N, C-alpha and C. Protein backbone atom coordinates (compact mmCIF):
# COMPACT_ATOMS: atom_id res chain seq x y z
N MET A 1 0.85 -1.18 0.00
CA MET A 1 0.00 0.00 0.00
C MET A 1 0.90 1.24 0.00
N THR A 2 0.56 2.18 -0.83
CA THR A 2 1.32 3.43 -0.90
C THR A 2 0.94 4.35 0.27
N PRO A 3 1.78 5.33 0.58
CA PRO A 3 1.40 6.29 1.63
C PRO A 3 0.08 7.00 1.30
N PHE A 4 -0.12 7.36 0.02
CA PHE A 4 -1.39 7.99 -0.36
C PHE A 4 -2.56 7.04 -0.10
N GLY A 5 -2.41 5.78 -0.48
CA GLY A 5 -3.45 4.78 -0.26
C GLY A 5 -3.79 4.63 1.22
N SER A 6 -2.78 4.64 2.06
CA SER A 6 -3.01 4.55 3.51
C SER A 6 -3.77 5.76 4.02
N ARG A 7 -3.43 6.94 3.50
CA ARG A 7 -4.14 8.16 3.92
C ARG A 7 -5.59 8.14 3.45
N VAL A 8 -5.82 7.60 2.26
CA VAL A 8 -7.19 7.47 1.74
C VAL A 8 -8.01 6.57 2.66
N LEU A 9 -7.49 5.41 2.98
CA LEU A 9 -8.23 4.48 3.83
C LEU A 9 -8.48 5.06 5.21
N SER A 10 -7.52 5.79 5.74
CA SER A 10 -7.68 6.44 7.03
C SER A 10 -8.81 7.47 6.99
N ALA A 11 -8.86 8.26 5.92
CA ALA A 11 -9.91 9.27 5.78
C ALA A 11 -11.28 8.62 5.65
N VAL A 12 -11.37 7.54 4.88
CA VAL A 12 -12.65 6.86 4.69
C VAL A 12 -13.14 6.25 6.00
N ARG A 13 -12.24 5.72 6.79
CA ARG A 13 -12.63 5.14 8.08
C ARG A 13 -13.25 6.19 9.02
N ARG A 14 -12.92 7.47 8.81
CA ARG A 14 -13.45 8.52 9.68
C ARG A 14 -14.85 8.99 9.28
N ILE A 15 -15.37 8.55 8.13
CA ILE A 15 -16.72 8.96 7.72
C ILE A 15 -17.71 8.28 8.65
N PRO A 16 -18.50 9.06 9.38
CA PRO A 16 -19.44 8.43 10.32
C PRO A 16 -20.62 7.76 9.60
N PRO A 17 -21.25 6.79 10.24
CA PRO A 17 -22.45 6.18 9.66
C PRO A 17 -23.50 7.26 9.37
N GLY A 18 -24.18 7.11 8.25
CA GLY A 18 -25.21 8.06 7.88
C GLY A 18 -24.67 9.30 7.17
N ARG A 19 -23.38 9.33 6.89
CA ARG A 19 -22.74 10.43 6.17
C ARG A 19 -22.01 9.87 4.96
N VAL A 20 -21.73 10.73 3.99
CA VAL A 20 -20.97 10.34 2.81
C VAL A 20 -19.96 11.42 2.47
N ALA A 21 -18.94 11.06 1.72
CA ALA A 21 -17.96 12.01 1.20
C ALA A 21 -17.73 11.64 -0.26
N THR A 22 -17.35 12.61 -1.05
CA THR A 22 -17.08 12.32 -2.47
C THR A 22 -15.66 11.80 -2.63
N TYR A 23 -15.41 11.21 -3.79
CA TYR A 23 -14.06 10.76 -4.11
C TYR A 23 -13.10 11.95 -4.03
N GLY A 24 -13.55 13.11 -4.51
CA GLY A 24 -12.74 14.32 -4.45
C GLY A 24 -12.48 14.79 -3.03
N ASP A 25 -13.50 14.69 -2.17
CA ASP A 25 -13.33 15.06 -0.75
C ASP A 25 -12.23 14.21 -0.12
N ILE A 26 -12.27 12.92 -0.39
CA ILE A 26 -11.29 12.00 0.20
C ILE A 26 -9.91 12.25 -0.39
N ALA A 27 -9.83 12.51 -1.68
CA ALA A 27 -8.54 12.82 -2.30
C ALA A 27 -7.91 14.04 -1.64
N ALA A 28 -8.71 15.08 -1.41
CA ALA A 28 -8.21 16.30 -0.76
C ALA A 28 -7.78 16.01 0.67
N ALA A 29 -8.55 15.22 1.39
CA ALA A 29 -8.20 14.87 2.77
C ALA A 29 -6.91 14.07 2.84
N ALA A 30 -6.62 13.32 1.77
CA ALA A 30 -5.42 12.49 1.73
C ALA A 30 -4.23 13.25 1.14
N GLY A 31 -4.43 14.54 0.86
CA GLY A 31 -3.32 15.37 0.41
C GLY A 31 -3.13 15.50 -1.09
N ARG A 32 -4.06 14.96 -1.88
CA ARG A 32 -3.95 15.08 -3.34
C ARG A 32 -5.30 15.47 -3.93
N PRO A 33 -5.64 16.77 -3.86
CA PRO A 33 -6.97 17.23 -4.26
C PRO A 33 -7.43 16.84 -5.66
N GLY A 34 -6.54 16.62 -6.58
CA GLY A 34 -6.94 16.27 -7.94
C GLY A 34 -7.00 14.79 -8.22
N ALA A 35 -6.93 13.98 -7.19
CA ALA A 35 -6.79 12.53 -7.39
C ALA A 35 -8.06 11.74 -7.11
N ALA A 36 -9.21 12.29 -7.46
CA ALA A 36 -10.48 11.60 -7.21
C ALA A 36 -10.53 10.24 -7.90
N ARG A 37 -10.02 10.16 -9.12
CA ARG A 37 -10.03 8.89 -9.85
C ARG A 37 -9.17 7.85 -9.14
N ALA A 38 -8.04 8.27 -8.60
CA ALA A 38 -7.17 7.35 -7.85
C ALA A 38 -7.89 6.82 -6.61
N VAL A 39 -8.65 7.70 -5.95
CA VAL A 39 -9.44 7.26 -4.79
C VAL A 39 -10.45 6.21 -5.23
N GLY A 40 -11.10 6.43 -6.36
CA GLY A 40 -12.04 5.44 -6.88
C GLY A 40 -11.39 4.10 -7.12
N ASN A 41 -10.18 4.11 -7.65
CA ASN A 41 -9.46 2.85 -7.87
C ASN A 41 -9.12 2.17 -6.56
N ILE A 42 -8.74 2.94 -5.57
CA ILE A 42 -8.43 2.36 -4.25
C ILE A 42 -9.69 1.76 -3.64
N MET A 43 -10.82 2.46 -3.76
CA MET A 43 -12.08 1.95 -3.22
C MET A 43 -12.50 0.67 -3.96
N ARG A 44 -12.30 0.65 -5.26
CA ARG A 44 -12.70 -0.50 -6.07
C ARG A 44 -11.94 -1.76 -5.69
N THR A 45 -10.69 -1.61 -5.29
CA THR A 45 -9.86 -2.79 -4.99
C THR A 45 -9.74 -3.07 -3.49
N CYS A 46 -10.35 -2.25 -2.66
CA CYS A 46 -10.24 -2.43 -1.21
C CYS A 46 -11.05 -3.64 -0.75
N THR A 47 -10.40 -4.51 0.00
CA THR A 47 -11.08 -5.69 0.55
C THR A 47 -11.12 -5.66 2.07
N ASP A 48 -10.63 -4.59 2.66
CA ASP A 48 -10.59 -4.45 4.11
C ASP A 48 -11.98 -4.08 4.63
N ARG A 49 -12.60 -4.96 5.36
CA ARG A 49 -13.96 -4.74 5.84
C ARG A 49 -14.07 -3.65 6.90
N THR A 50 -12.95 -3.15 7.40
CA THR A 50 -12.99 -2.04 8.37
C THR A 50 -13.10 -0.69 7.66
N VAL A 51 -13.06 -0.70 6.34
CA VAL A 51 -13.14 0.53 5.55
C VAL A 51 -14.54 0.63 4.94
N PRO A 52 -15.34 1.62 5.34
CA PRO A 52 -16.71 1.74 4.82
C PRO A 52 -16.73 2.38 3.43
N CYS A 53 -16.24 1.65 2.45
CA CYS A 53 -16.11 2.16 1.08
C CYS A 53 -17.46 2.63 0.52
N HIS A 54 -18.56 2.06 0.99
CA HIS A 54 -19.87 2.43 0.48
C HIS A 54 -20.23 3.89 0.80
N ARG A 55 -19.52 4.51 1.73
CA ARG A 55 -19.80 5.90 2.11
C ARG A 55 -19.07 6.91 1.21
N VAL A 56 -18.33 6.42 0.24
CA VAL A 56 -17.65 7.31 -0.71
C VAL A 56 -18.46 7.29 -2.00
N VAL A 57 -18.89 8.48 -2.42
CA VAL A 57 -19.78 8.60 -3.57
C VAL A 57 -19.19 9.56 -4.60
N ALA A 58 -19.80 9.58 -5.76
CA ALA A 58 -19.37 10.46 -6.83
C ALA A 58 -19.87 11.89 -6.59
N ALA A 59 -19.35 12.80 -7.39
CA ALA A 59 -19.73 14.21 -7.28
C ALA A 59 -21.25 14.36 -7.37
N GLY A 60 -21.78 15.30 -6.61
CA GLY A 60 -23.20 15.58 -6.63
C GLY A 60 -24.05 14.55 -5.93
N GLY A 61 -23.42 13.58 -5.26
CA GLY A 61 -24.17 12.57 -4.53
C GLY A 61 -24.57 11.35 -5.34
N ARG A 62 -24.05 11.25 -6.58
CA ARG A 62 -24.32 10.05 -7.37
C ARG A 62 -23.61 8.86 -6.71
N LEU A 63 -24.16 7.69 -6.85
CA LEU A 63 -23.59 6.53 -6.16
C LEU A 63 -22.20 6.16 -6.63
N GLY A 64 -21.92 6.29 -7.91
CA GLY A 64 -20.62 5.87 -8.39
C GLY A 64 -20.56 4.35 -8.44
N GLY A 65 -19.38 3.83 -8.57
CA GLY A 65 -19.21 2.38 -8.65
C GLY A 65 -19.28 1.74 -7.27
N PHE A 66 -18.94 0.56 -7.18
CA PHE A 66 -18.82 -0.19 -5.92
C PHE A 66 -18.47 -1.60 -6.32
N GLY A 67 -17.47 -1.68 -7.19
CA GLY A 67 -17.08 -2.98 -7.71
C GLY A 67 -18.20 -3.66 -8.47
N GLY A 68 -19.08 -2.86 -9.10
CA GLY A 68 -20.20 -3.43 -9.84
C GLY A 68 -21.38 -3.79 -8.97
N GLU A 69 -21.32 -3.50 -7.69
CA GLU A 69 -22.37 -3.86 -6.75
C GLU A 69 -23.13 -2.61 -6.26
N THR A 70 -23.65 -1.82 -7.20
CA THR A 70 -24.33 -0.59 -6.78
C THR A 70 -25.59 -0.89 -5.97
N GLY A 71 -26.22 -2.02 -6.22
CA GLY A 71 -27.39 -2.40 -5.42
C GLY A 71 -27.02 -2.60 -3.96
N LEU A 72 -25.88 -3.21 -3.72
CA LEU A 72 -25.40 -3.40 -2.36
C LEU A 72 -25.04 -2.06 -1.73
N LYS A 73 -24.37 -1.20 -2.50
CA LYS A 73 -24.01 0.12 -1.99
C LYS A 73 -25.27 0.88 -1.60
N ARG A 74 -26.28 0.86 -2.45
CA ARG A 74 -27.56 1.51 -2.17
C ARG A 74 -28.17 0.96 -0.88
N ALA A 75 -28.18 -0.36 -0.73
CA ALA A 75 -28.77 -0.98 0.45
C ALA A 75 -28.02 -0.61 1.73
N LEU A 76 -26.69 -0.58 1.67
CA LEU A 76 -25.90 -0.22 2.84
C LEU A 76 -26.16 1.23 3.26
N LEU A 77 -26.23 2.13 2.29
CA LEU A 77 -26.51 3.54 2.60
C LEU A 77 -27.92 3.71 3.14
N GLN A 78 -28.88 3.00 2.57
CA GLN A 78 -30.25 3.08 3.07
C GLN A 78 -30.35 2.54 4.49
N ALA A 79 -29.59 1.49 4.79
CA ALA A 79 -29.59 0.94 6.14
C ALA A 79 -29.05 1.94 7.16
N GLU A 80 -28.24 2.91 6.69
CA GLU A 80 -27.71 3.94 7.56
C GLU A 80 -28.60 5.19 7.60
N GLY A 81 -29.77 5.11 6.95
CA GLY A 81 -30.74 6.19 7.02
C GLY A 81 -30.76 7.16 5.87
N LEU A 82 -29.93 6.95 4.86
CA LEU A 82 -29.93 7.84 3.70
C LEU A 82 -31.02 7.42 2.72
N VAL A 83 -31.62 8.39 2.06
CA VAL A 83 -32.59 8.09 1.02
C VAL A 83 -31.85 8.16 -0.31
N VAL A 84 -31.85 7.03 -1.01
CA VAL A 84 -31.12 6.94 -2.27
C VAL A 84 -32.12 6.76 -3.40
N ARG A 85 -32.09 7.70 -4.31
CA ARG A 85 -32.95 7.63 -5.49
C ARG A 85 -32.13 7.16 -6.68
N SER A 86 -32.77 7.01 -7.81
CA SER A 86 -32.05 6.53 -8.99
C SER A 86 -30.93 7.48 -9.41
N THR A 87 -31.09 8.78 -9.12
CA THR A 87 -30.07 9.75 -9.51
C THR A 87 -29.02 9.97 -8.42
N GLY A 88 -29.23 9.45 -7.25
CA GLY A 88 -28.25 9.62 -6.18
C GLY A 88 -28.89 9.84 -4.83
N ILE A 89 -28.14 10.44 -3.94
CA ILE A 89 -28.56 10.62 -2.56
C ILE A 89 -29.43 11.86 -2.42
N ARG A 90 -30.60 11.68 -1.85
CA ARG A 90 -31.51 12.79 -1.61
C ARG A 90 -30.92 13.66 -0.50
N GLU A 91 -31.02 14.97 -0.66
CA GLU A 91 -30.47 15.94 0.30
C GLU A 91 -28.97 15.70 0.53
N PHE A 92 -28.28 15.49 -0.56
CA PHE A 92 -26.86 15.18 -0.50
C PHE A 92 -26.07 16.16 0.37
N ASP A 93 -26.30 17.45 0.20
CA ASP A 93 -25.55 18.45 0.98
C ASP A 93 -25.75 18.28 2.48
N ARG A 94 -26.89 17.82 2.88
CA ARG A 94 -27.18 17.61 4.30
C ARG A 94 -26.36 16.47 4.89
N PHE A 95 -26.08 15.47 4.08
CA PHE A 95 -25.39 14.27 4.57
C PHE A 95 -23.92 14.20 4.18
N ARG A 96 -23.46 15.20 3.45
CA ARG A 96 -22.06 15.21 3.02
C ARG A 96 -21.16 15.56 4.18
N TRP A 97 -20.11 14.77 4.33
CA TRP A 97 -19.16 14.94 5.42
C TRP A 97 -17.90 15.60 4.89
N ALA A 98 -17.34 16.49 5.62
CA ALA A 98 -16.14 17.21 5.19
C ALA A 98 -14.93 16.68 5.93
N PRO A 99 -14.23 15.72 5.36
CA PRO A 99 -13.11 15.10 6.08
C PRO A 99 -11.96 16.05 6.38
N ARG A 100 -11.83 17.13 5.62
CA ARG A 100 -10.74 18.07 5.88
C ARG A 100 -10.90 18.71 7.25
N ARG A 101 -12.14 18.93 7.64
CA ARG A 101 -12.40 19.54 8.94
C ARG A 101 -12.81 18.50 9.98
N GLY A 102 -13.14 17.31 9.53
CA GLY A 102 -13.54 16.25 10.45
C GLY A 102 -14.93 16.45 11.02
N GLU A 103 -15.76 17.22 10.34
CA GLU A 103 -17.12 17.43 10.81
C GLU A 103 -18.05 17.55 9.61
N PRO A 104 -19.34 17.34 9.82
CA PRO A 104 -20.28 17.43 8.69
C PRO A 104 -20.31 18.82 8.10
N ARG A 105 -20.54 18.86 6.80
CA ARG A 105 -20.72 20.16 6.13
C ARG A 105 -22.07 20.72 6.56
N ARG A 106 -22.16 22.01 6.58
CA ARG A 106 -23.41 22.69 6.88
C ARG A 106 -24.04 23.17 5.59
N PRO A 107 -25.34 22.89 5.39
CA PRO A 107 -26.00 23.39 4.17
C PRO A 107 -25.94 24.91 4.10
N GLY A 108 -25.91 25.41 2.86
CA GLY A 108 -25.96 26.86 2.62
C GLY A 108 -24.70 27.49 2.90
């Protein structure tokens, strides 16, 4: 695992249940703001069950990938209280977590 990969996994582990962060949010938290695609690759190949990869979503609250298991990702997020529609997470800004500050983002 690269140092960047370790920082990514550390940031993802800090996302609380019922919250989500974007691939870009996690890339920035791990020190590489332009590396959202790299974060997606790390999430896609992660097999560590202590990492809540399902809480990392695409820009705008779209679900993004999940190793081809978007139905499972949807179910896991719904089990945490999020409403997931076909286009993504309802009230995304309300549930978006800001890992750079370690606290939820505030709407508006």
